[in-house]
């Protein structure tokens, strides 16, 4: 019933997507992940380097395997950046609604990094304001969050990893949006099959994941 049974059935899915969680250290990225993966939430110890977890779920009638990458927000782990973003279908930018600097750092630092390192131009981004359970300490309004999300071309949601409010919805909404993007859907469906597919002659110049040309076949 736990994660072991989920792992055993990990080959039974329609699409596989990579999601990257980014944002300052301490905004609750790991707590969001734990809250989503397990039935309960607890305060996680700070992540050292990179960690990732796998979650199997059904969204929109499709069975999905989400590989969710979590990273420490500290500068000294910046060397991991390119592999962390490479091939990500979804990127979740997290800030703490009680700490304004974590919000401003999303536009001043993290959004620029996504622009620089993300290899999927079509990747779906979601802005997440965490810790809404601490409403009395709020330093960033919901309206400001919505405004920044528009500016960055992101989806937007506020949630609480502690109470689990909107956590499931956050990941499900992101997955649904990814499935609306044809290039990401195609990529997600071919993960795992790429090992057996040989590159056809004459396609060396084609970008990875590019669909074959339409028409042009011999009659």
N, C-alpha and C. Protein backbone atom coordinates (compact mmCIF):
# COMPACT_ATOMS: atom_id res chain seq x y z
N UNK A 1 0.82 -1.21 0.00
CA UNK A 1 0.00 0.00 0.00
C UNK A 1 0.86 1.26 0.00
N UNK A 2 2.03 1.18 0.59
CA UNK A 2 2.91 2.34 0.67
C UNK A 2 3.68 2.54 -0.61
N UNK A 3 4.85 3.21 -0.46
CA UNK A 3 5.62 3.55 -1.64
C UNK A 3 6.21 2.32 -2.32
N UNK A 4 6.42 1.20 -1.54
CA UNK A 4 7.00 0.01 -2.15
C UNK A 4 6.09 -0.55 -3.23
N UNK A 5 4.77 -0.58 -2.97
CA UNK A 5 3.84 -1.11 -3.97
C UNK A 5 3.77 -0.16 -5.17
N UNK A 6 3.92 1.15 -4.89
CA UNK A 6 3.93 2.11 -5.98
C UNK A 6 5.15 1.88 -6.87
N UNK A 7 6.29 1.60 -6.21
CA UNK A 7 7.51 1.38 -6.97
C UNK A 7 7.39 0.15 -7.86
N UNK A 8 6.76 -0.91 -7.32
CA UNK A 8 6.63 -2.15 -8.07
C UNK A 8 5.80 -1.95 -9.35
N UNK A 9 4.85 -1.04 -9.28
CA UNK A 9 3.99 -0.83 -10.45
C UNK A 9 4.46 0.37 -11.27
N UNK A 10 5.73 0.79 -11.05
CA UNK A 10 6.20 2.01 -11.68
C UNK A 10 6.27 1.93 -13.22
N UNK A 11 6.21 0.71 -13.77
CA UNK A 11 6.24 0.60 -15.22
C UNK A 11 4.86 0.76 -15.83
N UNK A 12 3.83 0.86 -15.01
CA UNK A 12 2.46 0.89 -15.48
C UNK A 12 1.93 2.32 -15.55
N UNK A 13 2.34 3.06 -16.60
CA UNK A 13 1.88 4.44 -16.72
C UNK A 13 1.85 4.83 -18.20
N UNK A 14 1.07 5.88 -18.49
CA UNK A 14 0.93 6.36 -19.87
C UNK A 14 1.99 7.40 -20.23
N UNK A 15 2.29 8.27 -19.28
CA UNK A 15 3.25 9.35 -19.53
C UNK A 15 4.18 9.52 -18.33
N UNK A 16 5.40 9.94 -18.61
CA UNK A 16 6.37 10.20 -17.56
C UNK A 16 6.86 11.64 -17.70
N UNK A 17 6.73 12.42 -16.64
CA UNK A 17 7.13 13.82 -16.69
C UNK A 17 8.13 14.15 -15.58
N UNK A 18 9.05 15.03 -15.90
CA UNK A 18 10.02 15.51 -14.91
C UNK A 18 9.58 16.90 -14.44
N UNK A 19 9.50 17.07 -13.12
CA UNK A 19 9.11 18.34 -12.52
C UNK A 19 10.27 18.82 -11.65
N UNK A 20 10.65 20.08 -11.77
CA UNK A 20 11.71 20.64 -10.93
C UNK A 20 11.13 21.69 -9.99
N UNK A 21 11.50 21.57 -8.71
CA UNK A 21 11.06 22.53 -7.69
C UNK A 21 12.20 23.51 -7.46
N UNK A 22 11.94 24.81 -7.56
CA UNK A 22 13.00 25.77 -7.31
C UNK A 22 12.51 26.90 -6.41
N UNK A 23 13.47 27.65 -5.86
CA UNK A 23 13.15 28.73 -4.95
C UNK A 23 14.18 28.77 -3.83
N UNK A 24 14.14 29.81 -3.03
CA UNK A 24 15.10 29.97 -1.93
C UNK A 24 15.03 28.80 -0.95
N UNK A 25 16.13 28.61 -0.25
CA UNK A 25 16.17 27.61 0.81
C UNK A 25 15.20 28.02 1.92
N UNK A 26 14.45 27.06 2.43
CA UNK A 26 13.55 27.35 3.55
C UNK A 26 12.14 27.77 3.18
N UNK A 27 11.82 27.82 1.87
CA UNK A 27 10.46 28.24 1.49
C UNK A 27 9.46 27.08 1.60
N UNK A 28 9.98 25.86 1.79
CA UNK A 28 9.08 24.72 1.96
C UNK A 28 8.98 23.81 0.75
N UNK A 29 10.01 23.82 -0.11
CA UNK A 29 9.98 22.96 -1.30
C UNK A 29 9.89 21.49 -0.91
N UNK A 30 10.76 21.08 0.02
CA UNK A 30 10.78 19.67 0.45
C UNK A 30 9.49 19.31 1.17
N UNK A 31 8.97 20.24 1.96
CA UNK A 31 7.71 19.98 2.68
C UNK A 31 6.55 19.80 1.71
N UNK A 32 6.54 20.60 0.64
CA UNK A 32 5.51 20.46 -0.40
C UNK A 32 5.58 19.07 -1.02
N UNK A 33 6.81 18.64 -1.29
CA UNK A 33 7.02 17.35 -1.92
C UNK A 33 6.58 16.21 -1.00
N UNK A 34 6.98 16.29 0.25
CA UNK A 34 6.61 15.27 1.24
C UNK A 34 5.10 15.23 1.41
N UNK A 35 4.48 16.41 1.46
CA UNK A 35 3.04 16.51 1.63
C UNK A 35 2.30 15.87 0.46
N UNK A 36 2.86 16.03 -0.74
CA UNK A 36 2.24 15.47 -1.95
C UNK A 36 2.45 13.96 -2.04
N UNK A 37 3.65 13.52 -1.71
CA UNK A 37 4.00 12.11 -1.84
C UNK A 37 3.33 11.25 -0.78
N UNK A 38 3.32 11.75 0.45
CA UNK A 38 2.78 10.94 1.56
C UNK A 38 1.43 11.46 2.02
N UNK A 39 0.84 10.73 2.93
CA UNK A 39 -0.50 11.10 3.40
C UNK A 39 -0.45 12.19 4.45
N UNK A 40 0.74 12.48 4.97
CA UNK A 40 0.85 13.52 5.99
C UNK A 40 2.03 14.42 5.67
N UNK A 41 2.07 15.54 6.34
CA UNK A 41 3.17 16.48 6.10
C UNK A 41 3.96 16.67 7.39
N UNK A 42 5.25 16.89 7.24
CA UNK A 42 6.06 17.25 8.40
C UNK A 42 7.16 18.16 7.91
N UNK A 43 7.77 18.91 8.83
CA UNK A 43 8.84 19.81 8.43
C UNK A 43 10.05 18.98 8.06
N UNK A 44 10.53 19.17 6.84
CA UNK A 44 11.66 18.39 6.36
C UNK A 44 12.97 19.06 6.74
N UNK A 45 13.99 18.24 6.93
CA UNK A 45 15.33 18.78 7.14
C UNK A 45 15.78 19.42 5.84
N UNK A 46 16.66 20.43 5.91
CA UNK A 46 17.11 21.08 4.67
C UNK A 46 17.71 20.06 3.71
N UNK A 47 17.38 20.21 2.43
CA UNK A 47 17.91 19.30 1.42
C UNK A 47 19.37 19.63 1.16
N UNK A 48 20.18 18.60 1.07
CA UNK A 48 21.59 18.80 0.74
C UNK A 48 21.77 18.32 -0.70
N UNK A 49 22.20 19.22 -1.58
CA UNK A 49 22.37 18.84 -2.97
C UNK A 49 21.02 18.64 -3.65
N UNK A 50 20.87 17.48 -4.33
CA UNK A 50 19.64 17.21 -5.08
C UNK A 50 19.00 15.92 -4.60
N UNK A 51 17.70 15.93 -4.50
CA UNK A 51 16.94 14.75 -4.12
C UNK A 51 15.78 14.66 -5.11
N UNK A 52 15.29 13.46 -5.38
CA UNK A 52 14.08 13.41 -6.19
C UNK A 52 13.20 12.26 -5.72
N UNK A 53 11.91 12.44 -5.94
CA UNK A 53 10.94 11.41 -5.54
C UNK A 53 10.01 11.15 -6.72
N UNK A 54 9.46 9.93 -6.72
CA UNK A 54 8.56 9.53 -7.81
C UNK A 54 7.15 9.37 -7.26
N UNK A 55 6.20 9.90 -7.97
CA UNK A 55 4.80 9.78 -7.57
C UNK A 55 4.00 9.30 -8.78
N UNK A 56 3.21 8.25 -8.57
CA UNK A 56 2.31 7.75 -9.61
C UNK A 56 0.91 8.23 -9.29
N UNK A 57 0.24 8.82 -10.27
CA UNK A 57 -1.13 9.27 -10.02
C UNK A 57 -1.90 9.29 -11.34
N UNK A 58 -3.20 9.33 -11.23
CA UNK A 58 -4.06 9.39 -12.41
C UNK A 58 -4.67 10.78 -12.49
N UNK A 59 -4.42 11.46 -13.60
CA UNK A 59 -4.95 12.81 -13.82
C UNK A 59 -5.57 12.85 -15.21
N UNK A 60 -6.79 13.36 -15.30
CA UNK A 60 -7.45 13.47 -16.60
C UNK A 60 -7.58 12.13 -17.30
N UNK A 61 -7.76 11.07 -16.51
CA UNK A 61 -7.93 9.74 -17.08
C UNK A 61 -6.64 9.09 -17.56
N UNK A 62 -5.50 9.74 -17.33
CA UNK A 62 -4.21 9.19 -17.74
C UNK A 62 -3.37 8.84 -16.51
N UNK A 63 -2.63 7.73 -16.62
CA UNK A 63 -1.74 7.33 -15.52
C UNK A 63 -0.39 8.01 -15.73
N UNK A 64 0.03 8.77 -14.75
CA UNK A 64 1.26 9.54 -14.87
C UNK A 64 2.31 9.09 -13.86
N UNK A 65 3.55 9.16 -14.31
CA UNK A 65 4.68 8.97 -13.41
C UNK A 65 5.38 10.32 -13.34
N UNK A 66 5.35 10.96 -12.17
CA UNK A 66 6.02 12.24 -11.99
C UNK A 66 7.32 12.02 -11.25
N UNK A 67 8.42 12.44 -11.83
CA UNK A 67 9.70 12.42 -11.13
C UNK A 67 9.95 13.85 -10.71
N UNK A 68 9.89 14.11 -9.40
CA UNK A 68 9.95 15.48 -8.90
C UNK A 68 11.31 15.73 -8.24
N UNK A 69 12.04 16.67 -8.80
CA UNK A 69 13.38 17.00 -8.32
C UNK A 69 13.32 18.16 -7.33
N UNK A 70 14.03 17.99 -6.23
CA UNK A 70 14.07 18.99 -5.18
C UNK A 70 15.54 19.34 -4.97
N UNK A 71 15.85 20.61 -4.84
CA UNK A 71 17.24 21.00 -4.67
C UNK A 71 17.40 21.99 -3.53
N UNK A 72 18.60 22.01 -2.97
CA UNK A 72 18.90 23.02 -1.97
C UNK A 72 18.96 24.36 -2.67
N UNK A 73 18.47 25.42 -2.00
CA UNK A 73 18.48 26.74 -2.63
C UNK A 73 19.81 27.47 -2.48
N UNK A 74 20.78 26.85 -1.75
CA UNK A 74 22.03 27.54 -1.48
C UNK A 74 22.91 27.68 -2.72
N UNK A 75 23.67 28.76 -2.72
CA UNK A 75 24.56 29.08 -3.84
C UNK A 75 25.55 27.96 -4.14
N UNK A 76 26.05 27.27 -3.12
CA UNK A 76 27.15 26.33 -3.36
C UNK A 76 26.73 25.12 -4.19
N UNK A 77 25.45 24.96 -4.40
CA UNK A 77 24.99 23.84 -5.23
C UNK A 77 24.67 24.26 -6.66
N UNK A 78 25.06 25.47 -7.03
CA UNK A 78 24.74 25.98 -8.35
C UNK A 78 25.34 25.14 -9.49
N UNK A 79 26.43 24.39 -9.18
CA UNK A 79 27.06 23.57 -10.22
C UNK A 79 26.12 22.49 -10.72
N UNK A 80 25.08 22.17 -9.94
CA UNK A 80 24.14 21.12 -10.32
C UNK A 80 23.06 21.64 -11.27
N UNK A 81 23.05 22.93 -11.47
CA UNK A 81 21.93 23.58 -12.14
C UNK A 81 21.53 23.00 -13.49
N UNK A 82 22.50 22.85 -14.41
CA UNK A 82 22.10 22.47 -15.77
C UNK A 82 21.42 21.11 -15.83
N UNK A 83 21.93 20.12 -15.08
CA UNK A 83 21.29 18.79 -15.11
C UNK A 83 19.95 18.83 -14.40
N UNK A 84 19.83 19.73 -13.44
CA UNK A 84 18.60 19.85 -12.67
C UNK A 84 17.43 20.32 -13.55
N UNK A 85 17.72 21.25 -14.45
CA UNK A 85 16.69 21.80 -15.33
C UNK A 85 16.52 20.99 -16.61
N UNK A 86 17.56 20.26 -17.01
CA UNK A 86 17.53 19.59 -18.31
C UNK A 86 16.34 18.65 -18.45
N UNK A 87 15.55 18.86 -19.49
CA UNK A 87 14.44 17.96 -19.77
C UNK A 87 13.23 18.11 -18.87
N UNK A 88 13.22 19.16 -18.04
CA UNK A 88 12.06 19.34 -17.15
C UNK A 88 10.83 19.75 -17.96
N UNK A 89 9.73 19.03 -17.73
CA UNK A 89 8.47 19.35 -18.42
C UNK A 89 7.69 20.41 -17.65
N UNK A 90 7.90 20.44 -16.33
CA UNK A 90 7.22 21.40 -15.48
C UNK A 90 8.20 21.97 -14.46
N UNK A 91 8.07 23.26 -14.16
CA UNK A 91 8.94 23.91 -13.18
C UNK A 91 8.06 24.65 -12.17
N UNK A 92 8.25 24.31 -10.90
CA UNK A 92 7.47 24.95 -9.84
C UNK A 92 8.37 25.93 -9.09
N UNK A 93 8.01 27.21 -9.15
CA UNK A 93 8.78 28.26 -8.46
C UNK A 93 8.07 28.56 -7.14
N UNK A 94 8.75 28.27 -6.03
CA UNK A 94 8.11 28.37 -4.71
C UNK A 94 8.65 29.57 -3.92
N UNK A 95 7.73 30.29 -3.29
CA UNK A 95 8.14 31.33 -2.34
C UNK A 95 7.32 31.18 -1.06
N UNK A 96 7.78 31.85 -0.02
CA UNK A 96 7.12 31.80 1.29
C UNK A 96 6.34 33.11 1.43
N UNK A 97 5.02 33.02 1.58
CA UNK A 97 4.18 34.24 1.64
C UNK A 97 4.51 35.12 2.85
N UNK A 98 5.27 34.58 3.82
CA UNK A 98 5.62 35.36 5.02
C UNK A 98 7.00 36.03 4.90
N UNK A 99 7.72 35.72 3.81
CA UNK A 99 9.07 36.29 3.62
C UNK A 99 9.18 36.93 2.24
N UNK A 100 9.09 38.26 2.23
CA UNK A 100 9.05 38.98 0.95
C UNK A 100 10.28 38.73 0.09
N UNK A 101 11.44 38.60 0.72
CA UNK A 101 12.66 38.43 -0.10
C UNK A 101 12.62 37.14 -0.93
N UNK A 102 11.91 36.12 -0.44
CA UNK A 102 11.82 34.87 -1.21
C UNK A 102 10.96 35.08 -2.46
N UNK A 103 10.06 36.05 -2.38
CA UNK A 103 9.19 36.39 -3.50
C UNK A 103 9.96 37.20 -4.55
N UNK A 104 10.68 38.22 -4.09
CA UNK A 104 11.43 39.06 -5.02
C UNK A 104 12.57 38.26 -5.68
N UNK A 105 13.14 37.30 -4.96
CA UNK A 105 14.21 36.49 -5.54
C UNK A 105 13.71 35.62 -6.70
N UNK A 106 12.42 35.33 -6.73
CA UNK A 106 11.89 34.52 -7.84
C UNK A 106 12.05 35.27 -9.17
N UNK A 107 11.74 36.57 -9.16
CA UNK A 107 11.88 37.33 -10.41
C UNK A 107 13.31 37.80 -10.62
N UNK A 108 14.02 38.14 -9.52
CA UNK A 108 15.38 38.66 -9.65
C UNK A 108 16.41 37.58 -9.95
N UNK A 109 16.15 36.36 -9.49
CA UNK A 109 17.15 35.31 -9.60
C UNK A 109 16.65 34.04 -10.28
N UNK A 110 15.63 33.42 -9.70
CA UNK A 110 15.22 32.10 -10.17
C UNK A 110 14.61 32.09 -11.56
N UNK A 111 13.76 33.07 -11.88
CA UNK A 111 13.15 33.10 -13.21
C UNK A 111 14.21 33.28 -14.30
N UNK A 112 15.24 34.06 -13.97
CA UNK A 112 16.34 34.26 -14.93
C UNK A 112 17.10 32.96 -15.14
N UNK A 113 17.26 32.22 -14.06
CA UNK A 113 17.97 30.94 -14.14
C UNK A 113 17.19 29.94 -14.99
N UNK A 114 15.89 29.92 -14.83
CA UNK A 114 15.03 29.04 -15.64
C UNK A 114 15.24 29.37 -17.12
N UNK A 115 15.24 30.67 -17.41
CA UNK A 115 15.42 31.14 -18.78
C UNK A 115 16.75 30.66 -19.35
N UNK A 116 17.76 30.70 -18.50
CA UNK A 116 19.12 30.36 -18.91
C UNK A 116 19.34 28.86 -19.11
N UNK A 117 18.80 28.05 -18.20
CA UNK A 117 19.15 26.63 -18.20
C UNK A 117 18.08 25.67 -18.70
N UNK A 118 16.84 26.10 -18.74
CA UNK A 118 15.78 25.17 -19.14
C UNK A 118 15.94 24.79 -20.61
N UNK A 119 15.93 23.48 -20.88
CA UNK A 119 16.12 23.01 -22.26
C UNK A 119 14.79 22.86 -22.99
N UNK A 120 13.69 22.82 -22.24
CA UNK A 120 12.36 22.71 -22.85
C UNK A 120 11.72 24.09 -22.90
N UNK A 121 11.72 24.69 -24.08
CA UNK A 121 11.14 26.03 -24.20
C UNK A 121 9.64 26.01 -23.88
N UNK A 122 9.00 24.87 -24.06
CA UNK A 122 7.56 24.76 -23.82
C UNK A 122 7.22 24.36 -22.38
N UNK A 123 8.23 24.19 -21.53
CA UNK A 123 7.96 23.70 -20.18
C UNK A 123 6.95 24.60 -19.47
N UNK A 124 6.08 23.97 -18.69
CA UNK A 124 5.01 24.69 -18.00
C UNK A 124 5.52 25.14 -16.63
N UNK A 125 5.33 26.42 -16.33
CA UNK A 125 5.82 26.96 -15.06
C UNK A 125 4.63 27.30 -14.15
N UNK A 126 4.83 27.05 -12.86
CA UNK A 126 3.80 27.39 -11.89
C UNK A 126 4.42 28.13 -10.71
N UNK A 127 3.83 29.25 -10.36
CA UNK A 127 4.27 30.04 -9.21
C UNK A 127 3.45 29.59 -7.99
N UNK A 128 4.15 29.24 -6.91
CA UNK A 128 3.46 28.72 -5.73
C UNK A 128 3.82 29.54 -4.49
N UNK A 129 2.80 30.14 -3.87
CA UNK A 129 2.99 30.84 -2.60
C UNK A 129 2.68 29.85 -1.48
N UNK A 130 3.71 29.45 -0.73
CA UNK A 130 3.55 28.45 0.32
C UNK A 130 3.37 29.12 1.69
N UNK A 131 2.91 28.34 2.65
CA UNK A 131 2.74 28.72 4.06
C UNK A 131 1.56 29.67 4.29
N UNK A 132 0.46 29.48 3.54
CA UNK A 132 -0.73 30.33 3.76
C UNK A 132 -1.42 30.02 5.09
N UNK A 133 -0.97 28.95 5.76
CA UNK A 133 -1.53 28.67 7.11
C UNK A 133 -1.07 29.74 8.10
N UNK A 134 -0.02 30.50 7.73
CA UNK A 134 0.48 31.56 8.63
C UNK A 134 -0.01 32.92 8.12
N UNK A 135 -1.30 33.02 7.93
CA UNK A 135 -1.95 34.20 7.34
C UNK A 135 -1.61 35.49 8.10
N UNK A 136 -1.52 35.42 9.43
CA UNK A 136 -1.27 36.63 10.22
C UNK A 136 0.13 37.19 9.97
N UNK A 137 1.04 36.35 9.43
CA UNK A 137 2.41 36.79 9.16
C UNK A 137 2.63 37.12 7.68
N UNK A 138 1.55 37.09 6.90
CA UNK A 138 1.67 37.28 5.46
C UNK A 138 2.37 38.60 5.11
N UNK A 139 3.35 38.50 4.18
CA UNK A 139 4.09 39.68 3.73
C UNK A 139 3.90 39.91 2.23
N UNK A 140 3.32 38.92 1.54
CA UNK A 140 3.08 39.03 0.10
C UNK A 140 1.61 38.73 -0.15
N UNK A 141 0.89 39.67 -0.76
CA UNK A 141 -0.54 39.46 -1.00
C UNK A 141 -0.77 38.49 -2.16
N UNK A 142 -1.94 37.90 -2.17
CA UNK A 142 -2.30 36.99 -3.25
C UNK A 142 -2.30 37.73 -4.59
N UNK A 143 -2.77 38.98 -4.57
CA UNK A 143 -2.83 39.79 -5.79
C UNK A 143 -1.44 39.99 -6.39
N UNK A 144 -0.44 40.20 -5.50
CA UNK A 144 0.94 40.37 -5.98
C UNK A 144 1.44 39.08 -6.63
N UNK A 145 1.06 37.97 -6.04
CA UNK A 145 1.45 36.67 -6.59
C UNK A 145 0.86 36.47 -7.98
N UNK A 146 -0.42 36.79 -8.11
CA UNK A 146 -1.11 36.66 -9.41
C UNK A 146 -0.43 37.55 -10.46
N UNK A 147 -0.08 38.77 -10.03
CA UNK A 147 0.56 39.74 -10.93
C UNK A 147 1.92 39.22 -11.43
N UNK A 148 2.74 38.69 -10.50
CA UNK A 148 4.06 38.18 -10.89
C UNK A 148 3.91 36.96 -11.81
N UNK A 149 2.94 36.11 -11.51
CA UNK A 149 2.71 34.93 -12.34
C UNK A 149 2.38 35.35 -13.78
N UNK A 150 1.56 36.39 -13.92
CA UNK A 150 1.22 36.90 -15.26
C UNK A 150 2.48 37.40 -15.97
N UNK A 151 3.29 38.13 -15.21
CA UNK A 151 4.52 38.71 -15.74
C UNK A 151 5.49 37.62 -16.23
N UNK A 152 5.57 36.53 -15.47
CA UNK A 152 6.51 35.45 -15.80
C UNK A 152 5.90 34.38 -16.71
N UNK A 153 4.60 34.52 -17.01
CA UNK A 153 3.93 33.52 -17.85
C UNK A 153 3.74 32.20 -17.13
N UNK A 154 3.43 32.29 -15.84
CA UNK A 154 3.26 31.10 -15.00
C UNK A 154 1.79 30.89 -14.63
N UNK A 155 1.48 29.66 -14.24
CA UNK A 155 0.22 29.40 -13.55
C UNK A 155 0.44 29.89 -12.12
N UNK A 156 -0.63 29.95 -11.32
CA UNK A 156 -0.47 30.45 -9.95
C UNK A 156 -1.38 29.70 -8.98
N UNK A 157 -0.82 29.42 -7.79
CA UNK A 157 -1.63 28.83 -6.72
C UNK A 157 -0.98 29.16 -5.38
N UNK A 158 -1.79 29.30 -4.35
CA UNK A 158 -1.26 29.44 -2.99
C UNK A 158 -1.60 28.16 -2.26
N UNK A 159 -0.69 27.70 -1.39
CA UNK A 159 -0.97 26.46 -0.68
C UNK A 159 -0.26 26.43 0.67
N UNK A 160 -0.51 25.36 1.39
CA UNK A 160 0.16 25.14 2.67
C UNK A 160 0.61 23.69 2.74
N UNK A 161 1.93 23.50 2.77
CA UNK A 161 2.46 22.14 2.89
C UNK A 161 2.08 21.57 4.26
N UNK A 162 1.92 22.46 5.23
CA UNK A 162 1.62 22.01 6.60
C UNK A 162 0.21 21.44 6.72
N UNK A 163 -0.79 22.16 6.19
CA UNK A 163 -2.18 21.69 6.29
C UNK A 163 -2.59 20.87 5.05
N UNK A 164 -1.70 20.84 4.05
CA UNK A 164 -1.92 20.15 2.78
C UNK A 164 -2.93 20.87 1.87
N UNK A 165 -3.32 22.08 2.25
CA UNK A 165 -4.27 22.86 1.44
C UNK A 165 -3.69 23.12 0.05
N UNK A 166 -4.42 22.71 -0.99
CA UNK A 166 -4.06 22.94 -2.39
C UNK A 166 -2.79 22.23 -2.88
N UNK A 167 -2.18 21.37 -2.06
CA UNK A 167 -0.93 20.72 -2.48
C UNK A 167 -1.18 19.75 -3.64
N UNK A 168 -2.16 18.87 -3.45
CA UNK A 168 -2.50 17.91 -4.51
C UNK A 168 -2.92 18.65 -5.78
N UNK A 169 -3.71 19.69 -5.59
CA UNK A 169 -4.22 20.47 -6.73
C UNK A 169 -3.07 21.13 -7.50
N UNK A 170 -2.07 21.59 -6.77
CA UNK A 170 -0.91 22.23 -7.39
C UNK A 170 -0.28 21.29 -8.42
N UNK A 171 0.05 20.06 -8.02
CA UNK A 171 0.72 19.12 -8.91
C UNK A 171 -0.23 18.60 -10.01
N UNK A 172 -1.49 18.40 -9.65
CA UNK A 172 -2.46 17.91 -10.64
C UNK A 172 -2.72 18.96 -11.73
N UNK A 173 -2.89 20.22 -11.31
CA UNK A 173 -3.12 21.29 -12.28
C UNK A 173 -1.92 21.43 -13.23
N UNK A 174 -0.72 21.31 -12.66
CA UNK A 174 0.49 21.41 -13.48
C UNK A 174 0.54 20.26 -14.49
N UNK A 175 0.24 19.04 -14.02
CA UNK A 175 0.26 17.87 -14.90
C UNK A 175 -0.76 18.01 -16.03
N UNK A 176 -1.95 18.50 -15.70
CA UNK A 176 -3.00 18.70 -16.71
C UNK A 176 -2.53 19.69 -17.78
N UNK A 177 -1.87 20.75 -17.34
CA UNK A 177 -1.39 21.79 -18.27
C UNK A 177 -0.29 21.22 -19.16
N UNK A 178 0.60 20.40 -18.58
CA UNK A 178 1.67 19.78 -19.36
C UNK A 178 1.06 18.92 -20.47
N UNK A 179 -0.03 18.21 -20.12
CA UNK A 179 -0.66 17.33 -21.11
C UNK A 179 -1.37 18.09 -22.23
N UNK A 180 -1.52 19.40 -22.06
CA UNK A 180 -2.12 20.22 -23.11
C UNK A 180 -1.09 20.69 -24.13
N UNK A 181 0.20 20.47 -23.82
CA UNK A 181 1.27 20.92 -24.72
C UNK A 181 1.75 19.73 -25.55
N UNK A 182 1.45 19.72 -26.86
CA UNK A 182 1.76 18.56 -27.70
C UNK A 182 3.20 18.07 -27.62
N UNK A 183 4.17 19.02 -27.64
CA UNK A 183 5.59 18.60 -27.63
C UNK A 183 5.96 17.91 -26.32
N UNK A 184 5.40 18.40 -25.20
CA UNK A 184 5.70 17.79 -23.89
C UNK A 184 5.02 16.43 -23.77
N UNK A 185 3.81 16.35 -24.31
CA UNK A 185 3.06 15.09 -24.25
C UNK A 185 3.79 14.02 -25.05
N UNK A 186 4.28 14.41 -26.21
CA UNK A 186 5.01 13.45 -27.05
C UNK A 186 6.28 12.99 -26.34
N UNK A 187 6.98 13.94 -25.75
CA UNK A 187 8.21 13.61 -25.03
C UNK A 187 7.93 12.70 -23.84
N UNK A 188 6.87 13.02 -23.11
CA UNK A 188 6.51 12.23 -21.94
C UNK A 188 6.10 10.81 -22.28
N UNK A 189 5.58 10.63 -23.50
CA UNK A 189 5.14 9.28 -23.89
C UNK A 189 6.29 8.45 -24.45
N UNK A 190 7.38 9.11 -24.83
CA UNK A 190 8.50 8.36 -25.41
C UNK A 190 9.60 8.08 -24.40
N UNK A 191 9.47 8.62 -23.19
CA UNK A 191 10.48 8.35 -22.16
C UNK A 191 10.53 6.85 -21.92
N UNK A 192 11.73 6.30 -21.90
CA UNK A 192 11.85 4.86 -21.67
C UNK A 192 11.92 4.08 -22.97
N UNK A 193 11.32 4.65 -24.03
CA UNK A 193 11.37 3.95 -25.31
C UNK A 193 12.60 4.40 -26.10
N UNK A 194 13.17 5.54 -25.70
CA UNK A 194 14.27 6.12 -26.46
C UNK A 194 15.48 5.20 -26.56
N UNK A 195 15.63 4.28 -25.60
CA UNK A 195 16.77 3.37 -25.61
C UNK A 195 16.70 2.42 -26.81
N UNK A 196 15.49 2.05 -27.22
CA UNK A 196 15.35 1.08 -28.30
C UNK A 196 15.23 1.73 -29.68
N UNK A 197 14.85 3.00 -29.69
CA UNK A 197 14.66 3.67 -30.97
C UNK A 197 16.01 4.12 -31.52
N UNK A 198 16.35 3.64 -32.70
CA UNK A 198 17.60 4.03 -33.35
C UNK A 198 17.34 5.28 -34.19
N UNK A 199 18.35 6.13 -34.24
CA UNK A 199 18.18 7.35 -35.04
C UNK A 199 18.17 6.99 -36.52
N UNK A 200 17.20 7.50 -37.23
CA UNK A 200 17.09 7.20 -38.65
C UNK A 200 18.13 8.00 -39.43
N UNK A 201 18.63 7.42 -40.54
CA UNK A 201 19.60 8.14 -41.37
C UNK A 201 18.98 9.45 -41.85
N UNK A 202 19.82 10.46 -41.90
CA UNK A 202 19.35 11.74 -42.44
C UNK A 202 18.64 12.61 -41.44
N UNK A 203 18.60 12.18 -40.13
CA UNK A 203 17.90 13.02 -39.15
C UNK A 203 18.88 13.64 -38.16
N UNK A 204 20.17 13.61 -38.49
CA UNK A 204 21.17 14.11 -37.55
C UNK A 204 20.97 15.57 -37.20
N UNK A 205 20.46 16.34 -38.15
CA UNK A 205 20.31 17.77 -37.88
C UNK A 205 19.05 18.10 -37.11
N UNK A 206 18.17 17.13 -36.93
CA UNK A 206 16.89 17.40 -36.26
C UNK A 206 17.09 17.56 -34.76
N UNK A 207 16.42 18.50 -34.12
CA UNK A 207 16.54 18.64 -32.67
C UNK A 207 15.94 17.44 -31.97
N UNK A 208 16.44 17.13 -30.74
CA UNK A 208 15.91 15.97 -30.02
C UNK A 208 14.41 16.10 -29.82
N UNK A 209 13.67 15.03 -30.05
CA UNK A 209 12.22 15.04 -29.82
C UNK A 209 11.44 15.68 -30.95
N UNK A 210 12.14 16.09 -32.04
CA UNK A 210 11.42 16.72 -33.14
C UNK A 210 10.60 15.68 -33.89
N UNK A 211 9.35 16.00 -34.23
CA UNK A 211 8.51 15.04 -34.96
C UNK A 211 9.04 14.86 -36.38
N UNK A 212 8.80 13.70 -37.01
CA UNK A 212 9.26 13.51 -38.38
C UNK A 212 8.54 14.46 -39.32
N UNK A 213 9.15 14.82 -40.45
CA UNK A 213 8.49 15.74 -41.39
C UNK A 213 7.18 15.15 -41.88
N UNK A 214 6.18 15.99 -42.10
CA UNK A 214 4.87 15.52 -42.58
C UNK A 214 4.92 15.50 -44.11
N UNK A 215 4.42 14.41 -44.67
CA UNK A 215 4.40 14.29 -46.14
C UNK A 215 5.81 14.02 -46.68
N UNK A 216 5.97 14.16 -47.96
CA UNK A 216 7.28 13.99 -48.55
C UNK A 216 7.68 12.54 -48.75
N UNK A 217 6.78 11.59 -48.49
CA UNK A 217 7.15 10.19 -48.67
C UNK A 217 6.90 9.80 -50.14
N UNK A 218 7.55 8.72 -50.53
CA UNK A 218 7.42 8.29 -51.92
C UNK A 218 6.04 7.71 -52.17
N UNK A 219 5.41 8.13 -53.25
CA UNK A 219 4.05 7.63 -53.56
C UNK A 219 4.18 6.26 -54.19
